[in-house]
Amino acid sequence: MKRRSLQRGFLLVEFVAGMGIASVLASIVVSSVYQLYKASDSGAARVETLTEVRKATLWLSRDIRQASSSDLSDGAPAVGDADFTWTDSVGAPHTCSYALTATDLQRTCDSTTIVAAHKISGLAFSRSGGLVAIGFTVTPDGGTSFAEDVSLNVSMRAR
């Protein structure tokens, strides 16, 4: 009686080739997931930077527009801190001061101090007539890849 030999299973060469193809596919998937993670991380850093820029410019422009005077000398070189003074509609005087403490932009207004924005560096104020020029840089955690240099010109209220 003859026995028929039916091939069962895989040869070692077929198994190794299958593992090689699976390895290549797995590396492509891992690489794609890593790229998505990096893109998400860099997007979050960009959003963080823009949020800090928005907060700083909001506070600065609000107070400077109300101010009728400042401790900044007209035409003098830029300085790292500034005071802005005004009188509101009911006659109450207000003074707001801005200064950089480490990487925080601190706003002290009528004896109340808040952090107006974080991750700030290179704060500089100057004045030409009623126009106040402000410059600063916002750098998110993890480096300068999304650092944002900001130049802002705001007019003070006429006296």
N, C-alpha and C. Protein backbone atom coordinates (compact mmCIF):
# COMPACT_ATOMS: atom_id res chain seq x y z
N MET A 1 0.81 -1.16 0.00
CA MET A 1 0.00 0.00 0.00
C MET A 1 0.88 1.25 0.00
N LYS A 2 0.51 2.18 -0.80
CA LYS A 2 1.28 3.41 -0.90
C LYS A 2 0.70 4.47 0.03
N ARG A 3 1.61 5.13 0.63
CA ARG A 3 1.16 6.24 1.48
C ARG A 3 1.35 7.55 0.73
N ARG A 4 0.35 8.32 0.83
CA ARG A 4 0.50 9.64 0.20
C ARG A 4 1.03 10.61 1.26
N SER A 5 1.95 11.38 0.86
CA SER A 5 2.55 12.35 1.77
C SER A 5 1.88 13.70 1.51
N LEU A 6 1.12 14.13 2.44
CA LEU A 6 0.51 15.46 2.35
C LEU A 6 1.36 16.43 3.16
N GLN A 7 1.66 17.53 2.54
CA GLN A 7 2.49 18.51 3.23
C GLN A 7 1.64 19.21 4.27
N ARG A 8 2.12 19.23 5.46
CA ARG A 8 1.43 19.91 6.55
C ARG A 8 2.39 20.92 7.17
N GLY A 9 1.86 22.12 7.57
CA GLY A 9 2.68 23.13 8.24
C GLY A 9 3.47 23.96 7.25
N PHE A 10 4.38 24.76 7.82
CA PHE A 10 5.20 25.67 7.01
C PHE A 10 6.64 25.22 7.08
N LEU A 11 7.35 25.54 6.05
CA LEU A 11 8.79 25.32 6.06
C LEU A 11 9.43 26.43 6.88
N LEU A 12 10.61 26.23 7.36
CA LEU A 12 11.32 27.22 8.15
C LEU A 12 11.56 28.50 7.34
N VAL A 13 11.84 28.36 6.05
CA VAL A 13 12.07 29.52 5.19
C VAL A 13 10.79 30.36 5.09
N GLU A 14 9.66 29.70 4.94
CA GLU A 14 8.40 30.43 4.86
C GLU A 14 8.11 31.17 6.17
N PHE A 15 8.41 30.52 7.29
CA PHE A 15 8.18 31.13 8.59
C PHE A 15 9.08 32.37 8.78
N VAL A 16 10.34 32.26 8.43
CA VAL A 16 11.27 33.39 8.57
C VAL A 16 10.85 34.53 7.65
N ALA A 17 10.43 34.23 6.43
CA ALA A 17 9.98 35.28 5.51
C ALA A 17 8.74 35.98 6.06
N GLY A 18 7.83 35.24 6.62
CA GLY A 18 6.62 35.82 7.23
C GLY A 18 6.96 36.72 8.41
N MET A 19 7.89 36.29 9.22
CA MET A 19 8.32 37.12 10.36
C MET A 19 8.99 38.40 9.88
N GLY A 20 9.76 38.33 8.82
CA GLY A 20 10.42 39.52 8.26
C GLY A 20 9.40 40.53 7.77
N ILE A 21 8.39 40.05 7.05
CA ILE A 21 7.33 40.94 6.54
C ILE A 21 6.56 41.55 7.71
N ALA A 22 6.26 40.75 8.73
CA ALA A 22 5.55 41.25 9.91
C ALA A 22 6.38 42.32 10.63
N SER A 23 7.70 42.13 10.70
CA SER A 23 8.59 43.10 11.36
C SER A 23 8.58 44.43 10.62
N VAL A 24 8.64 44.37 9.29
CA VAL A 24 8.63 45.60 8.49
C VAL A 24 7.30 46.35 8.70
N LEU A 25 6.20 45.62 8.66
CA LEU A 25 4.90 46.25 8.87
C LEU A 25 4.78 46.84 10.27
N ALA A 26 5.28 46.13 11.28
CA ALA A 26 5.23 46.63 12.66
C ALA A 26 6.07 47.90 12.79
N SER A 27 7.23 47.95 12.17
CA SER A 27 8.08 49.15 12.27
C SER A 27 7.42 50.35 11.58
N ILE A 28 6.70 50.11 10.49
CA ILE A 28 5.98 51.19 9.81
C ILE A 28 4.88 51.73 10.72
N VAL A 29 4.15 50.86 11.37
CA VAL A 29 3.07 51.28 12.26
C VAL A 29 3.63 52.05 13.45
N VAL A 30 4.70 51.55 14.06
CA VAL A 30 5.30 52.24 15.21
C VAL A 30 5.83 53.61 14.79
N SER A 31 6.45 53.70 13.64
CA SER A 31 6.96 54.97 13.14
C SER A 31 5.83 55.97 12.91
N SER A 32 4.73 55.51 12.36
CA SER A 32 3.58 56.38 12.12
C SER A 32 2.98 56.89 13.43
N VAL A 33 2.85 56.03 14.41
CA VAL A 33 2.31 56.42 15.71
C VAL A 33 3.24 57.44 16.37
N TYR A 34 4.55 57.23 16.27
CA TYR A 34 5.51 58.17 16.85
C TYR A 34 5.41 59.54 16.17
N GLN A 35 5.26 59.57 14.86
CA GLN A 35 5.13 60.84 14.15
C GLN A 35 3.85 61.57 14.56
N LEU A 36 2.76 60.84 14.75
CA LEU A 36 1.51 61.45 15.22
C LEU A 36 1.68 62.03 16.62
N TYR A 37 2.38 61.30 17.48
CA TYR A 37 2.64 61.77 18.83
C TYR A 37 3.46 63.05 18.80
N LYS A 38 4.51 63.10 18.00
CA LYS A 38 5.35 64.29 17.91
C LYS A 38 4.57 65.48 17.35
N ALA A 39 3.73 65.24 16.37
CA ALA A 39 2.92 66.31 15.79
C ALA A 39 1.94 66.85 16.83
N SER A 40 1.35 65.98 17.61
CA SER A 40 0.43 66.39 18.66
C SER A 40 1.16 67.19 19.73
N ASP A 41 2.35 66.74 20.10
CA ASP A 41 3.15 67.41 21.11
C ASP A 41 3.56 68.81 20.65
N SER A 42 3.97 68.93 19.40
CA SER A 42 4.38 70.24 18.89
C SER A 42 3.17 71.16 18.72
N GLY A 43 2.03 70.61 18.40
CA GLY A 43 0.81 71.41 18.31
C GLY A 43 0.42 71.95 19.68
N ALA A 44 0.58 71.13 20.71
CA ALA A 44 0.27 71.57 22.07
C ALA A 44 1.23 72.68 22.51
N ALA A 45 2.51 72.57 22.15
CA ALA A 45 3.48 73.62 22.48
C ALA A 45 3.13 74.93 21.79
N ARG A 46 2.68 74.84 20.56
CA ARG A 46 2.29 76.04 19.81
C ARG A 46 1.06 76.71 20.44
N VAL A 47 0.08 75.91 20.84
CA VAL A 47 -1.11 76.44 21.49
C VAL A 47 -0.73 77.10 22.83
N GLU A 48 0.15 76.45 23.58
CA GLU A 48 0.61 77.01 24.85
C GLU A 48 1.29 78.35 24.64
N THR A 49 2.13 78.45 23.63
CA THR A 49 2.83 79.71 23.33
C THR A 49 1.85 80.80 22.97
N LEU A 50 0.93 80.50 22.09
CA LEU A 50 -0.04 81.51 21.66
C LEU A 50 -0.97 81.94 22.79
N THR A 51 -1.28 81.04 23.70
CA THR A 51 -2.11 81.38 24.86
C THR A 51 -1.39 82.39 25.75
N GLU A 52 -0.10 82.17 25.98
CA GLU A 52 0.67 83.09 26.82
C GLU A 52 0.83 84.45 26.13
N VAL A 53 1.00 84.46 24.81
CA VAL A 53 1.07 85.72 24.06
C VAL A 53 -0.25 86.47 24.21
N ARG A 54 -1.34 85.78 24.06
CA ARG A 54 -2.67 86.41 24.17
C ARG A 54 -2.89 87.00 25.55
N LYS A 55 -2.54 86.25 26.60
CA LYS A 55 -2.74 86.75 27.96
C LYS A 55 -1.90 88.00 28.21
N ALA A 56 -0.63 87.97 27.81
CA ALA A 56 0.25 89.11 28.05
C ALA A 56 -0.23 90.35 27.29
N THR A 57 -0.56 90.19 26.03
CA THR A 57 -0.99 91.35 25.24
C THR A 57 -2.34 91.89 25.71
N LEU A 58 -3.21 91.02 26.18
CA LEU A 58 -4.51 91.46 26.70
C LEU A 58 -4.32 92.40 27.89
N TRP A 59 -3.56 91.97 28.89
CA TRP A 59 -3.36 92.78 30.09
C TRP A 59 -2.61 94.07 29.76
N LEU A 60 -1.51 93.95 29.02
CA LEU A 60 -0.71 95.14 28.71
C LEU A 60 -1.51 96.17 27.92
N SER A 61 -2.16 95.75 26.86
CA SER A 61 -2.88 96.71 26.03
C SER A 61 -4.05 97.33 26.80
N ARG A 62 -4.72 96.57 27.62
CA ARG A 62 -5.84 97.08 28.41
C ARG A 62 -5.38 98.21 29.34
N ASP A 63 -4.33 97.95 30.09
CA ASP A 63 -3.86 98.94 31.07
C ASP A 63 -3.23 100.16 30.40
N ILE A 64 -2.47 99.94 29.33
CA ILE A 64 -1.81 101.08 28.67
C ILE A 64 -2.83 101.98 28.00
N ARG A 65 -3.87 101.41 27.41
CA ARG A 65 -4.91 102.23 26.76
C ARG A 65 -5.63 103.13 27.77
N GLN A 66 -5.76 102.66 29.01
CA GLN A 66 -6.42 103.46 30.04
C GLN A 66 -5.48 104.50 30.64
N ALA A 67 -4.17 104.23 30.57
CA ALA A 67 -3.19 105.08 31.26
C ALA A 67 -3.09 106.47 30.64
N SER A 68 -2.98 107.45 31.51
CA SER A 68 -2.74 108.82 31.05
C SER A 68 -1.30 109.23 31.32
N SER A 69 -0.58 108.44 32.13
CA SER A 69 0.83 108.72 32.37
C SER A 69 1.58 107.43 32.67
N SER A 70 2.91 107.54 32.59
CA SER A 70 3.78 106.39 32.80
C SER A 70 5.10 106.86 33.39
N ASP A 71 5.82 105.94 34.02
CA ASP A 71 7.15 106.29 34.52
C ASP A 71 8.22 106.17 33.44
N LEU A 72 7.81 105.78 32.22
CA LEU A 72 8.76 105.67 31.11
C LEU A 72 9.11 107.06 30.59
N SER A 73 10.39 107.31 30.42
CA SER A 73 10.83 108.60 29.88
C SER A 73 10.68 108.59 28.37
N ASP A 74 10.16 109.68 27.86
CA ASP A 74 9.95 109.81 26.42
C ASP A 74 11.29 109.74 25.68
N GLY A 75 11.43 108.80 24.76
CA GLY A 75 12.63 108.67 23.94
C GLY A 75 13.80 107.99 24.62
N ALA A 76 13.65 107.56 25.86
CA ALA A 76 14.75 106.90 26.58
C ALA A 76 14.91 105.46 26.11
N PRO A 77 16.06 104.84 26.38
CA PRO A 77 16.24 103.43 26.02
C PRO A 77 15.22 102.54 26.73
N ALA A 78 14.99 101.38 26.18
CA ALA A 78 14.01 100.44 26.73
C ALA A 78 14.44 99.97 28.12
N VAL A 79 13.44 99.76 28.97
CA VAL A 79 13.66 99.26 30.33
C VAL A 79 12.82 98.00 30.54
N GLY A 80 13.12 97.25 31.60
CA GLY A 80 12.46 95.97 31.83
C GLY A 80 11.21 96.00 32.67
N ASP A 81 10.85 97.17 33.22
CA ASP A 81 9.61 97.26 33.99
C ASP A 81 8.99 98.64 33.76
N ALA A 82 7.71 98.75 34.06
CA ALA A 82 7.02 100.02 33.81
C ALA A 82 5.79 100.14 34.71
N ASP A 83 5.44 101.41 35.01
CA ASP A 83 4.24 101.74 35.77
C ASP A 83 3.33 102.59 34.88
N PHE A 84 2.03 102.31 34.96
CA PHE A 84 1.04 103.07 34.19
C PHE A 84 -0.03 103.55 35.16
N THR A 85 -0.41 104.84 35.04
CA THR A 85 -1.34 105.46 35.98
C THR A 85 -2.50 106.09 35.24
N TRP A 86 -3.69 106.00 35.82
CA TRP A 86 -4.88 106.63 35.27
C TRP A 86 -5.89 106.87 36.37
N THR A 87 -6.88 107.68 36.06
CA THR A 87 -8.00 107.94 36.96
C THR A 87 -9.25 107.44 36.25
N ASP A 88 -10.03 106.63 36.96
CA ASP A 88 -11.23 106.07 36.32
C ASP A 88 -12.37 107.08 36.30
N SER A 89 -13.54 106.65 35.81
CA SER A 89 -14.68 107.55 35.59
C SER A 89 -15.27 108.11 36.88
N VAL A 90 -15.01 107.46 38.01
CA VAL A 90 -15.51 107.97 39.29
C VAL A 90 -14.44 108.75 40.05
N GLY A 91 -13.28 108.96 39.42
CA GLY A 91 -12.22 109.75 40.02
C GLY A 91 -11.22 108.98 40.86
N ALA A 92 -11.31 107.66 40.87
CA ALA A 92 -10.38 106.86 41.66
C ALA A 92 -9.07 106.64 40.88
N PRO A 93 -7.94 106.92 41.52
CA PRO A 93 -6.66 106.73 40.83
C PRO A 93 -6.25 105.24 40.83
N HIS A 94 -5.58 104.83 39.76
CA HIS A 94 -5.09 103.45 39.64
C HIS A 94 -3.67 103.48 39.10
N THR A 95 -2.85 102.57 39.61
CA THR A 95 -1.49 102.39 39.09
C THR A 95 -1.25 100.91 38.90
N CYS A 96 -0.81 100.54 37.71
CA CYS A 96 -0.45 99.16 37.41
C CYS A 96 1.02 99.11 37.03
N SER A 97 1.72 98.17 37.63
CA SER A 97 3.14 97.98 37.36
C SER A 97 3.36 96.62 36.72
N TYR A 98 4.27 96.59 35.78
CA TYR A 98 4.63 95.33 35.12
C TYR A 98 6.12 95.09 35.30
N ALA A 99 6.47 93.85 35.64
CA ALA A 99 7.87 93.47 35.79
C ALA A 99 8.00 91.98 35.51
N LEU A 100 9.20 91.59 35.15
CA LEU A 100 9.48 90.19 34.87
C LEU A 100 10.14 89.58 36.11
N THR A 101 9.55 88.51 36.63
CA THR A 101 10.09 87.77 37.76
C THR A 101 10.34 86.35 37.29
N ALA A 102 11.62 85.99 37.16
CA ALA A 102 12.00 84.71 36.54
C ALA A 102 11.41 84.71 35.13
N THR A 103 10.43 83.85 34.86
CA THR A 103 9.81 83.83 33.53
C THR A 103 8.34 84.22 33.58
N ASP A 104 7.94 84.86 34.67
CA ASP A 104 6.55 85.28 34.83
C ASP A 104 6.43 86.79 34.64
N LEU A 105 5.45 87.21 33.86
CA LEU A 105 5.13 88.62 33.73
C LEU A 105 4.16 88.95 34.86
N GLN A 106 4.65 89.73 35.83
CA GLN A 106 3.82 90.07 36.98
C GLN A 106 3.18 91.43 36.78
N ARG A 107 1.90 91.48 37.11
CA ARG A 107 1.12 92.72 37.04
C ARG A 107 0.66 93.04 38.45
N THR A 108 1.09 94.19 38.96
CA THR A 108 0.65 94.66 40.26
C THR A 108 -0.20 95.89 40.02
N CYS A 109 -1.47 95.77 40.34
CA CYS A 109 -2.40 96.87 40.11
C CYS A 109 -3.14 97.15 41.41
N ASP A 110 -2.98 98.38 41.91
CA ASP A 110 -3.63 98.78 43.16
C ASP A 110 -3.35 97.77 44.27
N SER A 111 -2.09 97.39 44.44
CA SER A 111 -1.60 96.50 45.50
C SER A 111 -2.00 95.03 45.32
N THR A 112 -2.59 94.66 44.22
CA THR A 112 -2.93 93.27 43.95
C THR A 112 -2.01 92.75 42.85
N THR A 113 -1.28 91.68 43.15
CA THR A 113 -0.32 91.12 42.18
C THR A 113 -0.86 89.84 41.60
N ILE A 114 -0.79 89.73 40.28
CA ILE A 114 -1.15 88.50 39.57
C ILE A 114 -0.04 88.19 38.58
N VAL A 115 -0.01 86.96 38.12
CA VAL A 115 0.88 86.59 37.03
C VAL A 115 0.06 86.75 35.75
N ALA A 116 0.43 87.74 34.96
CA ALA A 116 -0.32 88.02 33.73
C ALA A 116 -0.02 86.99 32.64
N ALA A 117 1.21 86.46 32.63
CA ALA A 117 1.59 85.44 31.64
C ALA A 117 2.83 84.71 32.13
N HIS A 118 3.00 83.49 31.66
CA HIS A 118 4.14 82.65 32.01
C HIS A 118 5.08 82.51 30.81
N LYS A 119 6.28 82.02 31.10
CA LYS A 119 7.28 81.66 30.07
C LYS A 119 7.70 82.87 29.23
N ILE A 120 7.81 84.03 29.87
CA ILE A 120 8.18 85.28 29.21
C ILE A 120 9.66 85.53 29.43
N SER A 121 10.33 86.07 28.42
CA SER A 121 11.72 86.51 28.57
C SER A 121 11.93 87.77 27.75
N GLY A 122 12.96 88.50 28.11
CA GLY A 122 13.35 89.67 27.33
C GLY A 122 12.32 90.79 27.31
N LEU A 123 11.66 91.06 28.43
CA LEU A 123 10.65 92.11 28.48
C LEU A 123 11.31 93.48 28.37
N ALA A 124 10.79 94.33 27.49
CA ALA A 124 11.34 95.68 27.31
C ALA A 124 10.22 96.66 27.00
N PHE A 125 10.23 97.80 27.72
CA PHE A 125 9.26 98.88 27.52
C PHE A 125 10.01 100.13 27.07
N SER A 126 9.42 100.87 26.14
CA SER A 126 9.93 102.19 25.77
C SER A 126 8.74 103.05 25.37
N ARG A 127 8.98 104.37 25.33
CA ARG A 127 7.87 105.27 25.03
C ARG A 127 8.34 106.36 24.08
N SER A 128 7.48 106.68 23.15
CA SER A 128 7.71 107.80 22.25
C SER A 128 6.41 108.58 22.19
N GLY A 129 6.37 109.71 22.89
CA GLY A 129 5.14 110.47 23.00
C GLY A 129 4.11 109.65 23.76
N GLY A 130 2.94 109.49 23.19
CA GLY A 130 1.88 108.70 23.82
C GLY A 130 1.89 107.24 23.41
N LEU A 131 2.88 106.84 22.64
CA LEU A 131 2.96 105.46 22.15
C LEU A 131 3.95 104.66 22.98
N VAL A 132 3.49 103.54 23.55
CA VAL A 132 4.34 102.66 24.34
C VAL A 132 4.66 101.44 23.50
N ALA A 133 5.96 101.15 23.37
CA ALA A 133 6.41 99.96 22.64
C ALA A 133 6.83 98.90 23.65
N ILE A 134 6.34 97.70 23.45
CA ILE A 134 6.65 96.57 24.33
C ILE A 134 7.21 95.46 23.48
N GLY A 135 8.23 94.81 23.96
CA GLY A 135 8.79 93.65 23.29
C GLY A 135 9.04 92.55 24.30
N PHE A 136 8.75 91.32 23.92
CA PHE A 136 9.05 90.17 24.78
C PHE A 136 9.03 88.91 23.95
N THR A 137 9.51 87.82 24.54
CA THR A 137 9.52 86.51 23.89
C THR A 137 8.81 85.52 24.79
N VAL A 138 8.01 84.66 24.19
CA VAL A 138 7.36 83.57 24.92
C VAL A 138 7.97 82.26 24.41
N THR A 139 8.48 81.47 25.35
CA THR A 139 9.11 80.20 25.00
C THR A 139 8.45 79.09 25.79
N PRO A 140 7.82 78.12 25.12
CA PRO A 140 7.17 77.03 25.84
C PRO A 140 8.20 76.09 26.46
N ASP A 141 7.74 75.24 27.36
CA ASP A 141 8.63 74.23 27.94
C ASP A 141 9.19 73.36 26.84
N GLY A 142 10.43 72.95 27.01
CA GLY A 142 11.03 72.04 26.05
C GLY A 142 11.83 72.70 24.96
N GLY A 143 12.11 73.97 25.05
CA GLY A 143 13.00 74.58 24.07
C GLY A 143 12.40 75.73 23.31
N THR A 144 13.10 76.12 22.27
CA THR A 144 12.74 77.33 21.55
C THR A 144 12.14 77.04 20.18
N SER A 145 11.73 75.81 19.92
CA SER A 145 11.23 75.50 18.58
C SER A 145 9.96 76.28 18.25
N PHE A 146 9.22 76.69 19.27
CA PHE A 146 8.00 77.46 19.02
C PHE A 146 8.02 78.78 19.77
N ALA A 147 9.21 79.33 19.98
CA ALA A 147 9.31 80.62 20.66
C ALA A 147 8.65 81.68 19.78
N GLU A 148 7.99 82.60 20.44
CA GLU A 148 7.27 83.65 19.73
C GLU A 148 7.79 85.00 20.21
N ASP A 149 8.39 85.76 19.29
CA ASP A 149 8.82 87.12 19.59
C ASP A 149 7.65 88.06 19.34
N VAL A 150 7.37 88.90 20.33
CA VAL A 150 6.22 89.79 20.25
C VAL A 150 6.67 91.24 20.33
N SER A 151 6.18 92.05 19.41
CA SER A 151 6.37 93.50 19.44
C SER A 151 4.99 94.12 19.43
N LEU A 152 4.75 94.98 20.39
CA LEU A 152 3.43 95.55 20.56
C LEU A 152 3.56 97.05 20.75
N ASN A 153 2.79 97.82 20.02
CA ASN A 153 2.74 99.27 20.18
C ASN A 153 1.32 99.65 20.59
N VAL A 154 1.21 100.32 21.75
CA VAL A 154 -0.09 100.69 22.29
C VAL A 154 -0.08 102.18 22.63
N SER A 155 -1.15 102.88 22.26
CA SER A 155 -1.27 104.31 22.57
C SER A 155 -1.90 104.51 23.94
N MET A 156 -1.27 105.40 24.71
CA MET A 156 -1.87 105.78 25.99
C MET A 156 -3.00 106.77 25.74
N ARG A 157 -3.90 106.84 26.68
CA ARG A 157 -5.03 107.77 26.60
C ARG A 157 -4.50 109.19 26.70
N ALA A 158 -5.07 110.06 25.92
CA ALA A 158 -4.67 111.48 25.99
C ALA A 158 -5.12 112.05 27.32
N ARG A 159 -4.31 112.94 27.86
CA ARG A 159 -4.63 113.54 29.16
C ARG A 159 -5.78 114.48 29.10
